[in-house]
Amino acid sequence: MDAPIVESRPPYGPLVDSCRRYGIARSKAFQLAREGLIRTFSIGSRRFVYLSSLDELPDRLAERDAA
């Protein structure tokens, strides 16, 4: 019996494209990265974002606003 196919997403993606899928514009994406609200890294000249940090962004923004 074959195991069920589980589709999973990669843990990271290109910063601008990934943020666009969440409704975040390019300039705001870079601002969030500078402020440390989303976790990013570079490979060469390309910047990538950990998708889990985009998933957790609303919680981080709420905590920041509550403080």
PDB file of N, CA and C in Angstrom:
ATOM      1  N   MET A   1       0.840  -1.185   0.000  1.00  0.00           N
ATOM      2  CA  MET A   1       0.000   0.000   0.000  1.00  0.00           C
ATOM      3  C   MET A   1       0.883   1.245   0.000  1.00  0.00           C
ATOM      4  N   ASP A   2       0.571   2.155  -0.884  1.00  0.00           N
ATOM      5  CA  ASP A   2       1.363   3.374  -1.003  1.00  0.00           C
ATOM      6  C   ASP A   2       0.989   4.363   0.096  1.00  0.00           C
ATOM      7  N   ALA A   3       1.972   5.103   0.531  1.00  0.00           N
ATOM      8  CA  ALA A   3       1.735   6.152   1.525  1.00  0.00           C
ATOM      9  C   ALA A   3       0.988   7.301   0.841  1.00  0.00           C
ATOM     10  N   PRO A   4       0.140   8.001   1.572  1.00  0.00           N
ATOM     11  CA  PRO A   4      -0.576   9.130   0.969  1.00  0.00           C
ATOM     12  C   PRO A   4       0.410  10.241   0.595  1.00  0.00           C
ATOM     13  N   ILE A   5       0.103  10.906  -0.468  1.00  0.00           N
ATOM     14  CA  ILE A   5       0.949  12.006  -0.917  1.00  0.00           C
ATOM     15  C   ILE A   5       0.581  13.240  -0.105  1.00  0.00           C
ATOM     16  N   VAL A   6       1.568  13.755   0.586  1.00  0.00           N
ATOM     17  CA  VAL A   6       1.371  14.950   1.395  1.00  0.00           C
ATOM     18  C   VAL A   6       2.139  16.074   0.727  1.00  0.00           C
ATOM     19  N   GLU A   7       1.424  17.065   0.310  1.00  0.00           N
ATOM     20  CA  GLU A   7       2.054  18.198  -0.333  1.00  0.00           C
ATOM     21  C   GLU A   7       2.476  19.189   0.736  1.00  0.00           C
ATOM     22  N   SER A   8       3.726  19.551   0.724  1.00  0.00           N
ATOM     23  CA  SER A   8       4.193  20.532   1.695  1.00  0.00           C
ATOM     24  C   SER A   8       4.872  21.671   0.961  1.00  0.00           C
ATOM     25  N   ARG A   9       4.849  22.812   1.562  1.00  0.00           N
ATOM     26  CA  ARG A   9       5.486  23.967   0.954  1.00  0.00           C
ATOM     27  C   ARG A   9       6.909  24.084   1.483  1.00  0.00           C
ATOM     28  N   PRO A  10       7.780  24.713   0.734  1.00  0.00           N
ATOM     29  CA  PRO A  10       9.145  24.918   1.227  1.00  0.00           C
ATOM     30  C   PRO A  10       9.099  25.880   2.416  1.00  0.00           C
ATOM     31  N   PRO A  11      10.092  25.840   3.280  1.00  0.00           N
ATOM     32  CA  PRO A  11      10.073  26.696   4.469  1.00  0.00           C
ATOM     33  C   PRO A  11      10.367  28.168   4.192  1.00  0.00           C
ATOM     34  N   TYR A  12      10.773  28.503   2.972  1.00  0.00           N
ATOM     35  CA  TYR A  12      11.087  29.891   2.645  1.00  0.00           C
ATOM     36  C   TYR A  12      10.731  30.165   1.189  1.00  0.00           C
ATOM     37  N   GLY A  13      10.712  31.451   0.845  1.00  0.00           N
ATOM     38  CA  GLY A  13      10.441  31.854  -0.526  1.00  0.00           C
ATOM     39  C   GLY A  13      11.031  33.223  -0.791  1.00  0.00           C
ATOM     40  N   PRO A  14      11.042  33.653  -2.045  1.00  0.00           N
ATOM     41  CA  PRO A  14      11.545  34.990  -2.372  1.00  0.00           C
ATOM     42  C   PRO A  14      10.747  36.050  -1.614  1.00  0.00           C
ATOM     43  N   LEU A  15      11.432  37.013  -1.052  1.00  0.00           N
ATOM     44  CA  LEU A  15      10.798  38.013  -0.183  1.00  0.00           C
ATOM     45  C   LEU A  15       9.618  38.705  -0.854  1.00  0.00           C
ATOM     46  N   VAL A  16       9.847  39.339  -1.992  1.00  0.00           N
ATOM     47  CA  VAL A  16       8.804  40.159  -2.611  1.00  0.00           C
ATOM     48  C   VAL A  16       7.627  39.293  -3.068  1.00  0.00           C
ATOM     49  N   ASP A  17       7.900  38.181  -3.743  1.00  0.00           N
ATOM     50  CA  ASP A  17       6.827  37.318  -4.240  1.00  0.00           C
ATOM     51  C   ASP A  17       6.022  36.710  -3.098  1.00  0.00           C
ATOM     52  N   SER A  18       6.704  36.271  -2.055  1.00  0.00           N
ATOM     53  CA  SER A  18       6.011  35.650  -0.918  1.00  0.00           C
ATOM     54  C   SER A  18       5.152  36.675  -0.193  1.00  0.00           C
ATOM     55  N   CYS A  19       5.693  37.856   0.023  1.00  0.00           N
ATOM     56  CA  CYS A  19       4.924  38.894   0.711  1.00  0.00           C
ATOM     57  C   CYS A  19       3.727  39.335  -0.125  1.00  0.00           C
ATOM     58  N   ARG A  20       3.899  39.387  -1.441  1.00  0.00           N
ATOM     59  CA  ARG A  20       2.802  39.790  -2.320  1.00  0.00           C
ATOM     60  C   ARG A  20       1.614  38.847  -2.151  1.00  0.00           C
ATOM     61  N   ARG A  21       1.889  37.545  -1.963  1.00  0.00           N
ATOM     62  CA  ARG A  21       0.809  36.571  -1.764  1.00  0.00           C
ATOM     63  C   ARG A  21       0.041  36.832  -0.469  1.00  0.00           C
ATOM     64  N   TYR A  22       0.682  37.511   0.475  1.00  0.00           N
ATOM     65  CA  TYR A  22       0.040  37.858   1.745  1.00  0.00           C
ATOM     66  C   TYR A  22      -0.537  39.272   1.705  1.00  0.00           C
ATOM     67  N   GLY A  23      -0.464  39.916   0.551  1.00  0.00           N
ATOM     68  CA  GLY A  23      -1.008  41.265   0.409  1.00  0.00           C
ATOM     69  C   GLY A  23      -0.082  42.355   0.896  1.00  0.00           C
ATOM     70  N   ILE A  24       1.209  42.064   0.992  1.00  0.00           N
ATOM     71  CA  ILE A  24       2.195  43.025   1.479  1.00  0.00           C
ATOM     72  C   ILE A  24       3.001  43.527   0.286  1.00  0.00           C
ATOM     73  N   ALA A  25       3.034  44.839   0.112  1.00  0.00           N
ATOM     74  CA  ALA A  25       3.761  45.447  -1.002  1.00  0.00           C
ATOM     75  C   ALA A  25       5.273  45.371  -0.781  1.00  0.00           C
ATOM     76  N   ARG A  26       6.016  45.583  -1.848  1.00  0.00           N
ATOM     77  CA  ARG A  26       7.479  45.471  -1.823  1.00  0.00           C
ATOM     78  C   ARG A  26       8.125  46.368  -0.765  1.00  0.00           C
ATOM     79  N   SER A  27       7.776  47.633  -0.751  1.00  0.00           N
ATOM     80  CA  SER A  27       8.422  48.556   0.194  1.00  0.00           C
ATOM     81  C   SER A  27       8.078  48.194   1.636  1.00  0.00           C
ATOM     82  N   LYS A  28       6.846  47.782   1.887  1.00  0.00           N
ATOM     83  CA  LYS A  28       6.448  47.374   3.232  1.00  0.00           C
ATOM     84  C   LYS A  28       7.173  46.096   3.637  1.00  0.00           C
ATOM     85  N   ALA A  29       7.394  45.172   2.688  1.00  0.00           N
ATOM     86  CA  ALA A  29       8.114  43.931   2.981  1.00  0.00           C
ATOM     87  C   ALA A  29       9.523  44.242   3.471  1.00  0.00           C
ATOM     88  N   PHE A  30      10.217  45.143   2.776  1.00  0.00           N
ATOM     89  CA  PHE A  30      11.568  45.499   3.196  1.00  0.00           C
ATOM     90  C   PHE A  30      11.555  46.253   4.524  1.00  0.00           C
ATOM     91  N   GLN A  31      10.540  47.059   4.763  1.00  0.00           N
ATOM     92  CA  GLN A  31      10.431  47.760   6.041  1.00  0.00           C
ATOM     93  C   GLN A  31      10.230  46.760   7.179  1.00  0.00           C
ATOM     94  N   LEU A  32       9.337  45.784   6.987  1.00  0.00           N
ATOM     95  CA  LEU A  32       9.106  44.759   8.012  1.00  0.00           C
ATOM     96  C   LEU A  32      10.385  43.973   8.290  1.00  0.00           C
ATOM     97  N   ALA A  33      11.159  43.698   7.252  1.00  0.00           N
ATOM     98  CA  ALA A  33      12.422  42.980   7.423  1.00  0.00           C
ATOM     99  C   ALA A  33      13.417  43.828   8.222  1.00  0.00           C
ATOM    100  N   ARG A  34      13.522  45.123   7.897  1.00  0.00           N
ATOM    101  CA  ARG A  34      14.434  46.013   8.626  1.00  0.00           C
ATOM    102  C   ARG A  34      14.056  46.100  10.097  1.00  0.00           C
ATOM    103  N   GLU A  35      12.746  46.113  10.384  1.00  0.00           N
ATOM    104  CA  GLU A  35      12.269  46.223  11.759  1.00  0.00           C
ATOM    105  C   GLU A  35      12.350  44.893  12.513  1.00  0.00           C
ATOM    106  N   GLY A  36      12.705  43.826  11.811  1.00  0.00           N
ATOM    107  CA  GLY A  36      12.834  42.527  12.453  1.00  0.00           C
ATOM    108  C   GLY A  36      11.510  41.825  12.681  1.00  0.00           C
ATOM    109  N   LEU A  37      10.460  42.265  12.022  1.00  0.00           N
ATOM    110  CA  LEU A  37       9.148  41.652  12.202  1.00  0.00           C
ATOM    111  C   LEU A  37       8.964  40.412  11.336  1.00  0.00           C
ATOM    112  N   ILE A  38       9.758  40.290  10.279  1.00  0.00           N
ATOM    113  CA  ILE A  38       9.795  39.053   9.500  1.00  0.00           C
ATOM    114  C   ILE A  38      11.263  38.636   9.377  1.00  0.00           C
ATOM    115  N   ARG A  39      11.489  37.345   9.376  1.00  0.00           N
ATOM    116  CA  ARG A  39      12.856  36.816   9.322  1.00  0.00           C
ATOM    117  C   ARG A  39      13.243  36.562   7.868  1.00  0.00           C
ATOM    118  N   THR A  40      14.370  37.133   7.487  1.00  0.00           N
ATOM    119  CA  THR A  40      14.840  36.993   6.113  1.00  0.00           C
ATOM    120  C   THR A  40      16.304  36.563   6.112  1.00  0.00           C
ATOM    121  N   PHE A  41      16.753  36.148   4.941  1.00  0.00           N
ATOM    122  CA  PHE A  41      18.162  35.833   4.723  1.00  0.00           C
ATOM    123  C   PHE A  41      18.459  36.044   3.246  1.00  0.00           C
ATOM    124  N   SER A  42      19.737  36.152   2.928  1.00  0.00           N
ATOM    125  CA  SER A  42      20.149  36.377   1.543  1.00  0.00           C
ATOM    126  C   SER A  42      20.959  35.204   1.027  1.00  0.00           C
ATOM    127  N   ILE A  43      20.779  34.919  -0.240  1.00  0.00           N
ATOM    128  CA  ILE A  43      21.640  34.011  -0.983  1.00  0.00           C
ATOM    129  C   ILE A  43      22.103  34.823  -2.183  1.00  0.00           C
ATOM    130  N   GLY A  44      23.355  35.174  -2.175  1.00  0.00           N
ATOM    131  CA  GLY A  44      23.853  36.076  -3.209  1.00  0.00           C
ATOM    132  C   GLY A  44      23.182  37.427  -3.053  1.00  0.00           C
ATOM    133  N   SER A  45      22.583  37.903  -4.118  1.00  0.00           N
ATOM    134  CA  SER A  45      21.901  39.204  -4.060  1.00  0.00           C
ATOM    135  C   SER A  45      20.404  39.061  -3.829  1.00  0.00           C
ATOM    136  N   ARG A  46      19.912  37.827  -3.718  1.00  0.00           N
ATOM    137  CA  ARG A  46      18.467  37.616  -3.537  1.00  0.00           C
ATOM    138  C   ARG A  46      18.115  37.497  -2.063  1.00  0.00           C
ATOM    139  N   ARG A  47      17.003  38.109  -1.667  1.00  0.00           N
ATOM    140  CA  ARG A  47      16.537  38.051  -0.291  1.00  0.00           C
ATOM    141  C   ARG A  47      15.343  37.101  -0.223  1.00  0.00           C
ATOM    142  N   PHE A  48      15.358  36.241   0.778  1.00  0.00           N
ATOM    143  CA  PHE A  48      14.307  35.263   1.002  1.00  0.00           C
ATOM    144  C   PHE A  48      13.705  35.485   2.374  1.00  0.00           C
ATOM    145  N   VAL A  49      12.469  35.028   2.554  1.00  0.00           N
ATOM    146  CA  VAL A  49      11.767  35.162   3.826  1.00  0.00           C
ATOM    147  C   VAL A  49      11.321  33.779   4.281  1.00  0.00           C
ATOM    148  N   TYR A  50      11.416  33.540   5.587  1.00  0.00           N
ATOM    149  CA  TYR A  50      10.859  32.316   6.154  1.00  0.00           C
ATOM    150  C   TYR A  50       9.342  32.475   6.179  1.00  0.00           C
ATOM    151  N   LEU A  51       8.625  31.564   5.546  1.00  0.00           N
ATOM    152  CA  LEU A  51       7.173  31.679   5.447  1.00  0.00           C
ATOM    153  C   LEU A  51       6.504  31.601   6.814  1.00  0.00           C
ATOM    154  N   SER A  52       7.106  30.894   7.755  1.00  0.00           N
ATOM    155  CA  SER A  52       6.535  30.833   9.107  1.00  0.00           C
ATOM    156  C   SER A  52       6.519  32.222   9.749  1.00  0.00           C
ATOM    157  N   SER A  53       7.505  33.069   9.419  1.00  0.00           N
ATOM    158  CA  SER A  53       7.499  34.414   9.990  1.00  0.00           C
ATOM    159  C   SER A  53       6.378  35.262   9.387  1.00  0.00           C
ATOM    160  N   LEU A  54       5.985  34.977   8.132  1.00  0.00           N
ATOM    161  CA  LEU A  54       4.824  35.670   7.561  1.00  0.00           C
ATOM    162  C   LEU A  54       3.530  35.165   8.197  1.00  0.00           C
ATOM    163  N   ASP A  55       3.473  33.861   8.484  1.00  0.00           N
ATOM    164  CA  ASP A  55       2.287  33.301   9.145  1.00  0.00           C
ATOM    165  C   ASP A  55       2.092  33.904  10.534  1.00  0.00           C
ATOM    166  N   GLU A  56       3.199  34.187  11.226  1.00  0.00           N
ATOM    167  CA  GLU A  56       3.148  34.698  12.597  1.00  0.00           C
ATOM    168  C   GLU A  56       3.102  36.224  12.663  1.00  0.00           C
ATOM    169  N   LEU A  57       3.193  36.886  11.536  1.00  0.00           N
ATOM    170  CA  LEU A  57       3.254  38.350  11.501  1.00  0.00           C
ATOM    171  C   LEU A  57       2.075  39.030  12.195  1.00  0.00           C
ATOM    172  N   PRO A  58       0.830  38.625  11.974  1.00  0.00           N
ATOM    173  CA  PRO A  58      -0.272  39.306  12.666  1.00  0.00           C
ATOM    174  C   PRO A  58      -0.134  39.265  14.191  1.00  0.00           C
ATOM    175  N   ASP A  59       0.328  38.138  14.724  1.00  0.00           N
ATOM    176  CA  ASP A  59       0.519  38.041  16.177  1.00  0.00           C
ATOM    177  C   ASP A  59       1.615  38.995  16.650  1.00  0.00           C
ATOM    178  N   ARG A  60       2.725  39.061  15.895  1.00  0.00           N
ATOM    179  CA  ARG A  60       3.814  39.958  16.274  1.00  0.00           C
ATOM    180  C   ARG A  60       3.378  41.424  16.210  1.00  0.00           C
ATOM    181  N   LEU A  61       2.591  41.768  15.195  1.00  0.00           N
ATOM    182  CA  LEU A  61       2.113  43.152  15.084  1.00  0.00           C
ATOM    183  C   LEU A  61       1.161  43.488  16.227  1.00  0.00           C
ATOM    184  N   ALA A  62       0.323  42.546  16.604  1.00  0.00           N
ATOM    185  CA  ALA A  62      -0.596  42.774  17.726  1.00  0.00           C
ATOM    186  C   ALA A  62       0.173  42.948  19.038  1.00  0.00           C
ATOM    187  N   GLU A  63       1.207  42.145  19.247  1.00  0.00           N
ATOM    188  CA  GLU A  63       2.023  42.274  20.457  1.00  0.00           C
ATOM    189  C   GLU A  63       2.738  43.626  20.481  1.00  0.00           C
ATOM    190  N   ARG A  64       3.265  44.048  19.315  1.00  0.00           N
ATOM    191  CA  ARG A  64       3.957  45.321  19.238  1.00  0.00           C
ATOM    192  C   ARG A  64       3.002  46.473  19.544  1.00  0.00           C
ATOM    193  N   ASP A  65       1.787  46.402  19.003  1.00  0.00           N
ATOM    194  CA  ASP A  65       0.821  47.480  19.227  1.00  0.00           C
ATOM    195  C   ASP A  65       0.322  47.517  20.668  1.00  0.00           C
ATOM    196  N   ALA A  66       0.284  46.351  21.315  1.00  0.00           N
ATOM    197  CA  ALA A  66      -0.184  46.289  22.705  1.00  0.00           C
ATOM    198  C   ALA A  66       0.856  46.844  23.674  1.00  0.00           C
ATOM    199  N   ALA A  67       2.133  46.817  23.266  1.00  0.00           N
ATOM    200  CA  ALA A  67       3.208  47.261  24.167  1.00  0.00           C
ATOM    201  C   ALA A  67       3.307  48.755  24.254  1.00  0.00           C
TER     202      ALA A  67
END
